[in-house]
Structures are given as structure tokens and as C-alpha cells.
Amino acid sequence: MRHAPVDIAIDLESGQLEALLAPLASKSVTAIVGFTETVGAGKLYRKRHPAIRRSVYSAGDQSPLFTVGPLSFGIMICNDSNYPELAADMVARGATAIFVPSNNSLPPDRANVVARSRAVDIARARDNEVMIVRADVAGRTADRVSFGSSAIVDAGGTLLRAGEPLSEDILVAEVHAAGWRPNGPISGMR
């Protein structure tokens, strides 16, 4: 059964989000969870720059920072990473890492965006001296393909880890406020 986004949106003002995320609470692990949210009169909000111009979503107007222990980080959702001013703003406010959850599931003739995503991640890292972590979907459906552009780039623009094309992977690196320490092999699932 397919739902319209507004039918499954989470009401931020009712406490629904906190109740939903309570099982994920941890003092040692941080999970970045994406969801459709409503604010006010049932309006849907999302990333700053929705890729689909006729989207059911309105563009968001905030780029908050989050702090976990000594790490301060921002989140740029998918297409937002193509706008350098968003990363620059977050770094100017203290971000030392930026996470980029993505869904590059596209029609087959436009699907291989890995090289472009990688170039964007390296540019954002170098230009802002910030770590970039992108998590993308990978695989095929009947009418969509995602090669998977997941990667971890250090603050100097060096690619530390990258997902295998069209494969489920998990990329592992320890995040530290002062930099990265790669940890372990690429394996498992994304």
C-alpha cells in the first residue's frame, strides 16, 4: 500500500518523534534518522534544496548543528551538498563533520552519479576543512538504479572509504573532533 508523505509524516510538536526514537537512545552511538515532518498547518518540510522541483515538500530554511560529546556536526540532505554555502555556514558555526544522507535512486540513464557525488564531497571537505560522510542507497528496482555513492572523506579531501558500486556496504571509521581514525574493513550492509 502506497502512502502520500503527509499520511506518514511525524508531528514534531506532539512528542511523537521522541517516542519513536526512544529505542535508539544511546550514550555511545549516534544515529542519524531521516523522516518526513510536519510543522504548523500540516506543511511538509525537507532539505534546503529539494531535487524535484515539483516536490510535495517545501524547502527547509535551517541547517542546525548537533553536538555529541566533543563532535559538532551538520547534515546536508542529498542535493543540499551541491550548495557550497551550506557547508561553509555550518563550518563557520563550528561543525567539524558534515553527514550527507542521500537517495540517488534514479532512472537508469541518469543513475551513475558516483563520480559527481565524490567530487562534491571532496570539494566540500577541502574547501571547508571538514570531514564529509555520505550514506547512499545502492541497488536496483524495476525502474530505478542507485550505484551507491557512500563515502568517508577526511578534512583534507582524502577519500578514506568508499562503497562498492551497486552493493550493500557498511563503511566504518571512528569520528573524533580532531579528525578521523579509520577502523575496520568495508563489509556487511548499508
N, C-alpha and C. Protein backbone atom coordinates (compact mmCIF):
# COMPACT_ATOMS: atom_id res chain seq x y z
N MET A 1 0.84 -1.18 0.00
CA MET A 1 0.00 0.00 0.00
C MET A 1 0.88 1.24 0.00
N ARG A 2 0.67 2.12 -0.94
CA ARG A 2 1.45 3.36 -1.03
C ARG A 2 0.75 4.46 -0.24
N HIS A 3 1.53 5.24 0.46
CA HIS A 3 1.02 6.35 1.23
C HIS A 3 1.56 7.65 0.66
N ALA A 4 0.79 8.69 0.76
CA ALA A 4 1.29 10.03 0.46
C ALA A 4 2.15 10.45 1.64
N PRO A 5 3.23 11.23 1.41
CA PRO A 5 4.10 11.62 2.53
C PRO A 5 3.36 12.22 3.71
N VAL A 6 2.34 13.03 3.46
CA VAL A 6 1.62 13.66 4.57
C VAL A 6 0.91 12.62 5.44
N ASP A 7 0.57 11.46 4.86
CA ASP A 7 -0.12 10.40 5.62
C ASP A 7 0.79 9.71 6.64
N ILE A 8 2.08 9.76 6.40
CA ILE A 8 3.01 9.07 7.31
C ILE A 8 3.98 10.04 7.99
N ALA A 9 3.73 11.33 7.87
CA ALA A 9 4.60 12.35 8.46
C ALA A 9 4.53 12.28 9.98
N ILE A 10 5.61 12.72 10.61
CA ILE A 10 5.72 12.74 12.07
C ILE A 10 5.44 14.16 12.55
N ASP A 11 4.57 14.29 13.55
CA ASP A 11 4.25 15.59 14.14
C ASP A 11 5.31 15.93 15.17
N LEU A 12 6.13 16.91 14.87
CA LEU A 12 7.24 17.28 15.75
C LEU A 12 6.78 17.89 17.06
N GLU A 13 5.63 18.53 17.09
CA GLU A 13 5.19 19.26 18.27
C GLU A 13 4.47 18.39 19.29
N SER A 14 4.11 17.16 18.95
CA SER A 14 3.31 16.32 19.84
C SER A 14 4.12 15.38 20.72
N GLY A 15 5.43 15.27 20.52
CA GLY A 15 6.23 14.29 21.25
C GLY A 15 6.33 12.97 20.52
N GLN A 16 5.72 12.87 19.34
CA GLN A 16 5.73 11.63 18.56
C GLN A 16 7.15 11.23 18.17
N LEU A 17 7.97 12.20 17.82
CA LEU A 17 9.35 11.90 17.42
C LEU A 17 10.14 11.30 18.57
N GLU A 18 10.09 11.90 19.74
CA GLU A 18 10.82 11.39 20.89
C GLU A 18 10.41 9.96 21.22
N ALA A 19 9.10 9.68 21.19
CA ALA A 19 8.62 8.33 21.48
C ALA A 19 9.12 7.33 20.44
N LEU A 20 9.11 7.73 19.18
CA LEU A 20 9.54 6.85 18.10
C LEU A 20 11.03 6.53 18.19
N LEU A 21 11.84 7.51 18.58
CA LEU A 21 13.29 7.34 18.62
C LEU A 21 13.81 6.79 19.95
N ALA A 22 12.99 6.72 20.97
CA ALA A 22 13.44 6.27 22.29
C ALA A 22 14.21 4.95 22.26
N PRO A 23 13.80 3.95 21.47
CA PRO A 23 14.57 2.69 21.45
C PRO A 23 15.99 2.83 20.91
N LEU A 24 16.28 3.91 20.18
CA LEU A 24 17.61 4.11 19.63
C LEU A 24 18.55 4.87 20.56
N ALA A 25 18.03 5.36 21.68
CA ALA A 25 18.82 6.20 22.59
C ALA A 25 20.05 5.44 23.08
N SER A 26 21.20 6.12 23.02
CA SER A 26 22.46 5.53 23.44
C SER A 26 23.43 6.64 23.83
N LYS A 27 24.29 6.33 24.79
CA LYS A 27 25.32 7.30 25.17
C LYS A 27 26.58 7.12 24.35
N SER A 28 26.67 6.03 23.57
CA SER A 28 27.91 5.76 22.82
C SER A 28 27.72 5.71 21.31
N VAL A 29 26.49 5.65 20.83
CA VAL A 29 26.23 5.56 19.39
C VAL A 29 25.23 6.64 19.00
N THR A 30 25.52 7.34 17.92
CA THR A 30 24.60 8.34 17.40
C THR A 30 24.02 7.84 16.10
N ALA A 31 22.72 7.90 15.96
CA ALA A 31 22.04 7.50 14.72
C ALA A 31 21.44 8.74 14.08
N ILE A 32 21.66 8.90 12.79
CA ILE A 32 21.02 9.98 12.05
C ILE A 32 19.83 9.35 11.35
N VAL A 33 18.64 9.83 11.68
CA VAL A 33 17.41 9.25 11.18
C VAL A 33 16.68 10.27 10.32
N GLY A 34 16.33 9.89 9.12
CA GLY A 34 15.58 10.78 8.24
C GLY A 34 14.11 10.43 8.27
N PHE A 35 13.29 11.44 8.18
CA PHE A 35 11.85 11.23 8.20
C PHE A 35 11.16 12.43 7.59
N THR A 36 9.89 12.24 7.26
CA THR A 36 9.08 13.35 6.78
C THR A 36 8.42 13.99 7.99
N GLU A 37 8.49 15.31 8.07
CA GLU A 37 7.96 16.01 9.23
C GLU A 37 6.93 17.05 8.82
N THR A 38 6.01 17.30 9.72
CA THR A 38 5.05 18.38 9.51
C THR A 38 5.31 19.46 10.55
N VAL A 39 5.05 20.68 10.15
CA VAL A 39 5.16 21.81 11.06
C VAL A 39 3.95 22.70 10.80
N GLY A 40 3.32 23.16 11.86
CA GLY A 40 2.19 24.07 11.68
C GLY A 40 1.00 23.40 11.02
N ALA A 41 0.50 23.99 9.96
CA ALA A 41 -0.74 23.57 9.31
C ALA A 41 -0.53 22.38 8.38
N GLY A 42 0.21 21.36 8.81
CA GLY A 42 0.39 20.16 8.02
C GLY A 42 1.31 20.32 6.83
N LYS A 43 2.09 21.38 6.79
CA LYS A 43 3.02 21.62 5.70
C LYS A 43 4.22 20.68 5.85
N LEU A 44 4.68 20.08 4.76
CA LEU A 44 5.81 19.16 4.79
C LEU A 44 7.11 19.92 4.53
N TYR A 45 8.13 19.62 5.34
CA TYR A 45 9.42 20.25 5.16
C TYR A 45 10.47 19.20 4.94
N ARG A 46 11.53 19.62 4.30
CA ARG A 46 12.59 18.70 3.99
C ARG A 46 13.90 19.45 3.85
N LYS A 47 14.75 18.97 3.03
CA LYS A 47 16.05 19.59 2.81
C LYS A 47 15.94 21.01 2.29
N ARG A 48 17.03 21.72 2.32
CA ARG A 48 17.04 23.11 1.88
C ARG A 48 16.77 23.23 0.38
N HIS A 49 17.26 22.27 -0.40
CA HIS A 49 17.15 22.33 -1.86
C HIS A 49 16.58 21.02 -2.41
N PRO A 50 15.24 20.85 -2.39
CA PRO A 50 14.66 19.63 -2.95
C PRO A 50 15.08 19.45 -4.41
N ALA A 51 15.48 18.24 -4.77
CA ALA A 51 15.95 17.97 -6.13
C ALA A 51 14.80 17.97 -7.13
N ILE A 52 13.66 17.55 -6.69
CA ILE A 52 12.50 17.50 -7.58
C ILE A 52 11.78 18.83 -7.45
N ARG A 53 11.80 19.61 -8.48
CA ARG A 53 11.25 20.97 -8.42
C ARG A 53 9.74 21.01 -8.18
N ARG A 54 9.05 19.95 -8.53
CA ARG A 54 7.60 19.89 -8.31
C ARG A 54 7.27 19.02 -7.10
N SER A 55 8.18 18.96 -6.16
CA SER A 55 8.07 18.12 -4.99
C SER A 55 6.86 18.50 -4.13
N VAL A 56 6.36 17.53 -3.36
CA VAL A 56 5.29 17.77 -2.40
C VAL A 56 5.85 18.46 -1.15
N TYR A 57 7.16 18.59 -1.08
CA TYR A 57 7.81 19.20 0.06
C TYR A 57 8.11 20.66 -0.19
N SER A 58 8.12 21.43 0.87
CA SER A 58 8.62 22.79 0.82
C SER A 58 10.08 22.76 1.23
N ALA A 59 10.87 23.67 0.68
CA ALA A 59 12.28 23.73 1.06
C ALA A 59 12.39 24.14 2.53
N GLY A 60 13.29 23.51 3.23
CA GLY A 60 13.56 23.91 4.61
C GLY A 60 14.33 25.22 4.63
N ASP A 61 14.45 25.82 5.79
CA ASP A 61 15.16 27.10 5.88
C ASP A 61 16.20 27.10 6.99
N GLN A 62 16.55 25.93 7.52
CA GLN A 62 17.52 25.86 8.60
C GLN A 62 18.55 24.78 8.33
N SER A 63 19.74 24.98 8.85
CA SER A 63 20.81 23.98 8.82
C SER A 63 21.36 23.88 10.24
N PRO A 64 20.65 23.18 11.12
CA PRO A 64 21.10 23.13 12.51
C PRO A 64 22.39 22.34 12.68
N LEU A 65 23.08 22.62 13.76
CA LEU A 65 24.25 21.84 14.15
C LEU A 65 23.84 20.96 15.32
N PHE A 66 24.54 19.85 15.46
CA PHE A 66 24.29 18.90 16.54
C PHE A 66 25.62 18.65 17.23
N THR A 67 25.58 18.40 18.53
CA THR A 67 26.79 18.12 19.28
C THR A 67 26.61 16.82 20.04
N VAL A 68 27.57 15.92 19.84
CA VAL A 68 27.62 14.67 20.57
C VAL A 68 29.03 14.58 21.15
N GLY A 69 29.13 14.67 22.46
CA GLY A 69 30.44 14.70 23.09
C GLY A 69 31.21 15.89 22.53
N PRO A 70 32.46 15.68 22.09
CA PRO A 70 33.25 16.79 21.56
C PRO A 70 33.00 17.07 20.07
N LEU A 71 32.16 16.28 19.42
CA LEU A 71 31.93 16.42 17.97
C LEU A 71 30.73 17.32 17.70
N SER A 72 30.94 18.32 16.88
CA SER A 72 29.85 19.18 16.40
C SER A 72 29.70 18.91 14.91
N PHE A 73 28.48 18.59 14.47
CA PHE A 73 28.29 18.24 13.07
C PHE A 73 27.00 18.81 12.51
N GLY A 74 26.98 18.90 11.19
CA GLY A 74 25.80 19.33 10.45
C GLY A 74 25.37 18.23 9.51
N ILE A 75 24.19 18.42 8.94
CA ILE A 75 23.64 17.45 7.99
C ILE A 75 23.18 18.20 6.75
N MET A 76 23.67 17.76 5.60
CA MET A 76 23.19 18.26 4.32
C MET A 76 22.51 17.08 3.64
N ILE A 77 21.23 17.20 3.33
CA ILE A 77 20.49 16.08 2.76
C ILE A 77 20.66 16.07 1.25
N CYS A 78 21.27 15.01 0.74
CA CYS A 78 21.37 14.70 -0.68
C CYS A 78 21.77 15.91 -1.53
N ASN A 79 20.83 16.48 -2.26
CA ASN A 79 21.08 17.59 -3.19
C ASN A 79 21.66 18.82 -2.49
N ASP A 80 21.41 18.98 -1.19
CA ASP A 80 21.96 20.13 -0.45
C ASP A 80 23.49 20.19 -0.56
N SER A 81 24.14 19.03 -0.73
CA SER A 81 25.60 19.02 -0.79
C SER A 81 26.13 19.76 -2.02
N ASN A 82 25.30 20.01 -3.01
CA ASN A 82 25.72 20.74 -4.21
C ASN A 82 25.78 22.25 -3.99
N TYR A 83 25.43 22.72 -2.81
CA TYR A 83 25.40 24.14 -2.50
C TYR A 83 26.49 24.45 -1.47
N PRO A 84 27.65 24.95 -1.94
CA PRO A 84 28.80 25.14 -1.04
C PRO A 84 28.53 26.06 0.15
N GLU A 85 27.61 27.01 -0.01
CA GLU A 85 27.35 27.94 1.08
C GLU A 85 26.76 27.26 2.32
N LEU A 86 26.07 26.14 2.14
CA LEU A 86 25.51 25.43 3.29
C LEU A 86 26.62 24.84 4.15
N ALA A 87 27.59 24.20 3.51
CA ALA A 87 28.72 23.64 4.26
C ALA A 87 29.53 24.75 4.92
N ALA A 88 29.79 25.81 4.18
CA ALA A 88 30.58 26.93 4.72
C ALA A 88 29.90 27.54 5.95
N ASP A 89 28.59 27.68 5.90
CA ASP A 89 27.85 28.23 7.03
C ASP A 89 27.96 27.32 8.25
N MET A 90 27.79 26.01 8.06
CA MET A 90 27.86 25.09 9.19
C MET A 90 29.25 25.07 9.81
N VAL A 91 30.28 25.10 8.97
CA VAL A 91 31.65 25.11 9.48
C VAL A 91 31.94 26.42 10.22
N ALA A 92 31.45 27.53 9.69
CA ALA A 92 31.64 28.82 10.35
C ALA A 92 31.00 28.83 11.73
N ARG A 93 29.95 28.03 11.92
CA ARG A 93 29.29 27.95 13.22
C ARG A 93 29.87 26.85 14.10
N GLY A 94 30.90 26.12 13.61
CA GLY A 94 31.59 25.16 14.47
C GLY A 94 31.54 23.70 14.08
N ALA A 95 30.92 23.35 12.97
CA ALA A 95 30.85 21.95 12.57
C ALA A 95 32.24 21.44 12.21
N THR A 96 32.58 20.24 12.68
CA THR A 96 33.84 19.60 12.31
C THR A 96 33.61 18.39 11.43
N ALA A 97 32.33 18.05 11.21
CA ALA A 97 31.95 16.97 10.31
C ALA A 97 30.59 17.31 9.71
N ILE A 98 30.37 16.84 8.50
CA ILE A 98 29.07 17.01 7.86
C ILE A 98 28.65 15.65 7.31
N PHE A 99 27.44 15.25 7.66
CA PHE A 99 26.88 13.99 7.19
C PHE A 99 25.91 14.29 6.06
N VAL A 100 25.93 13.44 5.03
CA VAL A 100 25.13 13.66 3.83
C VAL A 100 24.31 12.40 3.53
N PRO A 101 23.14 12.23 4.17
CA PRO A 101 22.27 11.11 3.79
C PRO A 101 21.71 11.39 2.39
N SER A 102 21.75 10.38 1.52
CA SER A 102 21.36 10.56 0.12
C SER A 102 20.48 9.42 -0.36
N ASN A 103 19.73 9.70 -1.40
CA ASN A 103 18.97 8.67 -2.10
C ASN A 103 19.10 8.97 -3.58
N ASN A 104 20.15 8.42 -4.18
CA ASN A 104 20.40 8.64 -5.60
C ASN A 104 19.82 7.51 -6.44
N SER A 105 18.63 7.07 -6.10
CA SER A 105 17.92 6.07 -6.89
C SER A 105 17.25 6.81 -8.05
N LEU A 106 17.76 6.59 -9.25
CA LEU A 106 17.35 7.37 -10.41
C LEU A 106 17.03 6.46 -11.60
N PRO A 107 16.39 7.01 -12.64
CA PRO A 107 16.21 6.22 -13.86
C PRO A 107 17.58 5.77 -14.39
N PRO A 108 17.66 4.59 -14.97
CA PRO A 108 18.96 4.03 -15.36
C PRO A 108 19.84 4.96 -16.21
N ASP A 109 19.26 5.75 -17.09
CA ASP A 109 20.07 6.61 -17.95
C ASP A 109 20.70 7.79 -17.21
N ARG A 110 20.28 8.06 -15.96
CA ARG A 110 20.84 9.17 -15.17
C ARG A 110 21.44 8.69 -13.85
N ALA A 111 21.56 7.39 -13.66
CA ALA A 111 21.83 6.83 -12.35
C ALA A 111 23.28 6.90 -11.88
N ASN A 112 24.25 6.88 -12.77
CA ASN A 112 25.63 6.80 -12.30
C ASN A 112 26.15 8.18 -11.94
N VAL A 113 25.85 8.60 -10.72
CA VAL A 113 26.27 9.91 -10.21
C VAL A 113 27.39 9.79 -9.18
N VAL A 114 28.02 8.62 -9.11
CA VAL A 114 29.05 8.40 -8.10
C VAL A 114 30.21 9.38 -8.26
N ALA A 115 30.74 9.52 -9.46
CA ALA A 115 31.90 10.40 -9.67
C ALA A 115 31.55 11.84 -9.30
N ARG A 116 30.36 12.28 -9.67
CA ARG A 116 29.94 13.65 -9.34
C ARG A 116 29.78 13.82 -7.83
N SER A 117 29.14 12.87 -7.18
CA SER A 117 28.97 12.94 -5.72
C SER A 117 30.32 12.95 -5.02
N ARG A 118 31.23 12.10 -5.48
CA ARG A 118 32.56 12.02 -4.87
C ARG A 118 33.30 13.35 -5.03
N ALA A 119 33.22 13.95 -6.22
CA ALA A 119 33.89 15.23 -6.45
C ALA A 119 33.31 16.32 -5.54
N VAL A 120 32.00 16.31 -5.37
CA VAL A 120 31.35 17.29 -4.49
C VAL A 120 31.82 17.09 -3.05
N ASP A 121 31.85 15.85 -2.59
CA ASP A 121 32.27 15.57 -1.21
C ASP A 121 33.71 16.01 -0.97
N ILE A 122 34.59 15.71 -1.90
CA ILE A 122 36.00 16.10 -1.76
C ILE A 122 36.12 17.62 -1.77
N ALA A 123 35.39 18.29 -2.65
CA ALA A 123 35.43 19.76 -2.70
C ALA A 123 34.93 20.38 -1.40
N ARG A 124 33.80 19.87 -0.85
CA ARG A 124 33.28 20.42 0.40
C ARG A 124 34.28 20.21 1.53
N ALA A 125 34.91 19.02 1.57
CA ALA A 125 35.89 18.73 2.62
C ALA A 125 37.09 19.67 2.51
N ARG A 126 37.68 19.76 1.33
CA ARG A 126 38.87 20.61 1.13
C ARG A 126 38.56 22.09 1.37
N ASP A 127 37.48 22.57 0.76
CA ASP A 127 37.15 24.00 0.85
C ASP A 127 36.87 24.45 2.26
N ASN A 128 36.36 23.54 3.09
CA ASN A 128 35.93 23.91 4.44
C ASN A 128 36.74 23.25 5.55
N GLU A 129 37.71 22.42 5.18
CA GLU A 129 38.50 21.67 6.16
C GLU A 129 37.58 20.95 7.14
N VAL A 130 36.66 20.18 6.58
CA VAL A 130 35.67 19.46 7.37
C VAL A 130 35.53 18.03 6.84
N MET A 131 35.25 17.10 7.72
CA MET A 131 35.03 15.72 7.33
C MET A 131 33.64 15.59 6.70
N ILE A 132 33.54 14.80 5.63
CA ILE A 132 32.27 14.57 4.95
C ILE A 132 31.98 13.07 4.97
N VAL A 133 30.78 12.70 5.40
CA VAL A 133 30.36 11.30 5.41
C VAL A 133 29.05 11.21 4.64
N ARG A 134 29.06 10.53 3.50
CA ARG A 134 27.85 10.37 2.68
C ARG A 134 27.37 8.92 2.79
N ALA A 135 26.07 8.75 3.03
CA ALA A 135 25.44 7.44 3.04
C ALA A 135 24.36 7.45 1.96
N ASP A 136 24.49 6.55 0.99
CA ASP A 136 23.57 6.50 -0.15
C ASP A 136 22.97 5.10 -0.23
N VAL A 137 21.83 4.99 -0.88
CA VAL A 137 21.24 3.69 -1.17
C VAL A 137 22.01 3.07 -2.33
N ALA A 138 21.91 1.74 -2.47
CA ALA A 138 22.57 1.06 -3.59
C ALA A 138 21.70 -0.11 -4.01
N GLY A 139 21.61 -0.33 -5.31
CA GLY A 139 20.87 -1.47 -5.83
C GLY A 139 19.93 -1.08 -6.95
N ARG A 140 19.07 -2.01 -7.32
CA ARG A 140 18.15 -1.83 -8.44
C ARG A 140 16.72 -2.16 -8.03
N THR A 141 15.80 -1.45 -8.62
CA THR A 141 14.38 -1.81 -8.56
C THR A 141 13.93 -1.96 -10.02
N ALA A 142 12.65 -2.16 -10.25
CA ALA A 142 12.16 -2.35 -11.61
C ALA A 142 12.48 -1.17 -12.52
N ASP A 143 12.45 0.04 -11.99
CA ASP A 143 12.66 1.22 -12.85
C ASP A 143 13.70 2.20 -12.34
N ARG A 144 14.45 1.84 -11.29
CA ARG A 144 15.45 2.74 -10.71
C ARG A 144 16.76 1.99 -10.45
N VAL A 145 17.84 2.78 -10.46
CA VAL A 145 19.16 2.23 -10.16
C VAL A 145 19.88 3.23 -9.25
N SER A 146 20.59 2.71 -8.25
CA SER A 146 21.49 3.54 -7.47
C SER A 146 22.81 2.81 -7.36
N PHE A 147 23.85 3.42 -7.92
CA PHE A 147 25.18 2.82 -7.87
C PHE A 147 25.76 2.90 -6.46
N GLY A 148 25.25 3.80 -5.62
CA GLY A 148 25.73 3.94 -4.25
C GLY A 148 26.96 4.82 -4.19
N SER A 149 26.79 6.02 -3.69
CA SER A 149 27.91 6.97 -3.61
C SER A 149 28.42 7.14 -2.19
N SER A 150 28.13 6.17 -1.32
CA SER A 150 28.57 6.26 0.07
C SER A 150 30.09 6.39 0.15
N ALA A 151 30.55 7.30 1.02
CA ALA A 151 31.99 7.51 1.17
C ALA A 151 32.27 8.28 2.44
N ILE A 152 33.51 8.19 2.89
CA ILE A 152 34.01 8.97 4.01
C ILE A 152 35.24 9.71 3.50
N VAL A 153 35.22 11.04 3.62
CA VAL A 153 36.31 11.90 3.15
C VAL A 153 36.83 12.70 4.34
N ASP A 154 38.15 12.70 4.53
CA ASP A 154 38.68 13.45 5.67
C ASP A 154 38.74 14.94 5.38
N ALA A 155 39.10 15.72 6.38
CA ALA A 155 39.06 17.19 6.28
C ALA A 155 40.06 17.75 5.27
N GLY A 156 40.98 16.94 4.80
CA GLY A 156 41.91 17.39 3.77
C GLY A 156 41.46 17.01 2.37
N GLY A 157 40.33 16.31 2.27
CA GLY A 157 39.82 15.90 0.97
C GLY A 157 40.27 14.52 0.53
N THR A 158 40.88 13.76 1.44
CA THR A 158 41.32 12.41 1.11
C THR A 158 40.17 11.42 1.31
N LEU A 159 39.92 10.62 0.29
CA LEU A 159 38.90 9.59 0.37
C LEU A 159 39.41 8.45 1.25
N LEU A 160 38.75 8.23 2.40
CA LEU A 160 39.18 7.19 3.33
C LEU A 160 38.47 5.86 3.07
N ARG A 161 37.21 5.93 2.74
CA ARG A 161 36.40 4.73 2.49
C ARG A 161 35.39 5.06 1.39
N ALA A 162 35.05 4.05 0.58
CA ALA A 162 34.02 4.22 -0.46
C ALA A 162 33.27 2.91 -0.63
N GLY A 163 31.98 3.00 -0.83
CA GLY A 163 31.17 1.82 -1.06
C GLY A 163 31.44 1.22 -2.42
N GLU A 164 31.19 -0.06 -2.54
CA GLU A 164 31.31 -0.76 -3.82
C GLU A 164 30.08 -0.44 -4.67
N PRO A 165 30.25 -0.19 -5.97
CA PRO A 165 29.10 0.13 -6.83
C PRO A 165 28.03 -0.97 -6.80
N LEU A 166 26.78 -0.54 -6.69
CA LEU A 166 25.61 -1.42 -6.72
C LEU A 166 25.59 -2.46 -5.61
N SER A 167 26.38 -2.26 -4.55
CA SER A 167 26.49 -3.24 -3.48
C SER A 167 26.12 -2.65 -2.14
N GLU A 168 25.56 -3.49 -1.30
CA GLU A 168 25.33 -3.09 0.09
C GLU A 168 26.67 -3.14 0.81
N ASP A 169 27.02 -2.07 1.47
CA ASP A 169 28.28 -1.99 2.20
C ASP A 169 28.02 -1.26 3.50
N ILE A 170 28.95 -1.43 4.41
CA ILE A 170 28.99 -0.56 5.57
C ILE A 170 30.40 0.00 5.62
N LEU A 171 30.49 1.30 5.74
CA LEU A 171 31.78 1.97 5.79
C LEU A 171 32.03 2.35 7.24
N VAL A 172 33.20 2.02 7.76
CA VAL A 172 33.47 2.22 9.17
C VAL A 172 34.67 3.13 9.36
N ALA A 173 34.50 4.13 10.19
CA ALA A 173 35.60 4.98 10.64
C ALA A 173 35.16 5.59 11.96
N GLU A 174 36.08 5.76 12.87
CA GLU A 174 35.76 6.42 14.12
C GLU A 174 35.81 7.92 13.90
N VAL A 175 34.82 8.62 14.41
CA VAL A 175 34.76 10.07 14.27
C VAL A 175 35.27 10.68 15.56
N HIS A 176 36.24 11.56 15.40
CA HIS A 176 36.80 12.27 16.54
C HIS A 176 36.76 13.75 16.22
N ALA A 177 36.60 14.56 17.21
CA ALA A 177 36.53 16.00 16.98
C ALA A 177 37.77 16.52 16.26
N ALA A 178 38.91 15.92 16.49
CA ALA A 178 40.15 16.40 15.87
C ALA A 178 40.45 15.69 14.55
N GLY A 179 39.65 14.72 14.13
CA GLY A 179 39.92 14.04 12.87
C GLY A 179 39.40 12.62 12.86
N TRP A 180 39.78 11.88 11.86
CA TRP A 180 39.30 10.51 11.64
C TRP A 180 40.36 9.50 12.00
N ARG A 181 39.90 8.36 12.46
CA ARG A 181 40.77 7.19 12.56
C ARG A 181 40.01 6.06 11.88
N PRO A 182 40.42 5.68 10.67
CA PRO A 182 39.74 4.58 10.00
C PRO A 182 39.79 3.33 10.88
N ASN A 183 38.75 2.54 10.84
CA ASN A 183 38.66 1.40 11.74
C ASN A 183 37.92 0.26 11.05
N GLY A 184 38.63 -0.73 10.65
CA GLY A 184 38.00 -1.93 10.15
C GLY A 184 37.74 -1.95 8.65
N PRO A 185 37.39 -3.13 8.12
CA PRO A 185 37.17 -3.30 6.69
C PRO A 185 35.79 -2.84 6.24
N ILE A 186 35.64 -2.75 4.95
CA ILE A 186 34.33 -2.46 4.35
C ILE A 186 33.65 -3.82 4.17
N SER A 187 32.49 -3.99 4.79
CA SER A 187 31.78 -5.26 4.65
C SER A 187 30.35 -5.08 5.11
N GLY A 188 29.57 -6.12 5.00
CA GLY A 188 28.21 -6.11 5.55
C GLY A 188 27.22 -5.38 4.68
N MET A 189 26.35 -4.62 5.31
CA MET A 189 25.30 -3.94 4.56
C MET A 189 25.24 -2.48 4.90
N ARG A 190 24.63 -1.73 4.03
CA ARG A 190 24.46 -0.29 4.23
C ARG A 190 23.09 -0.06 4.80
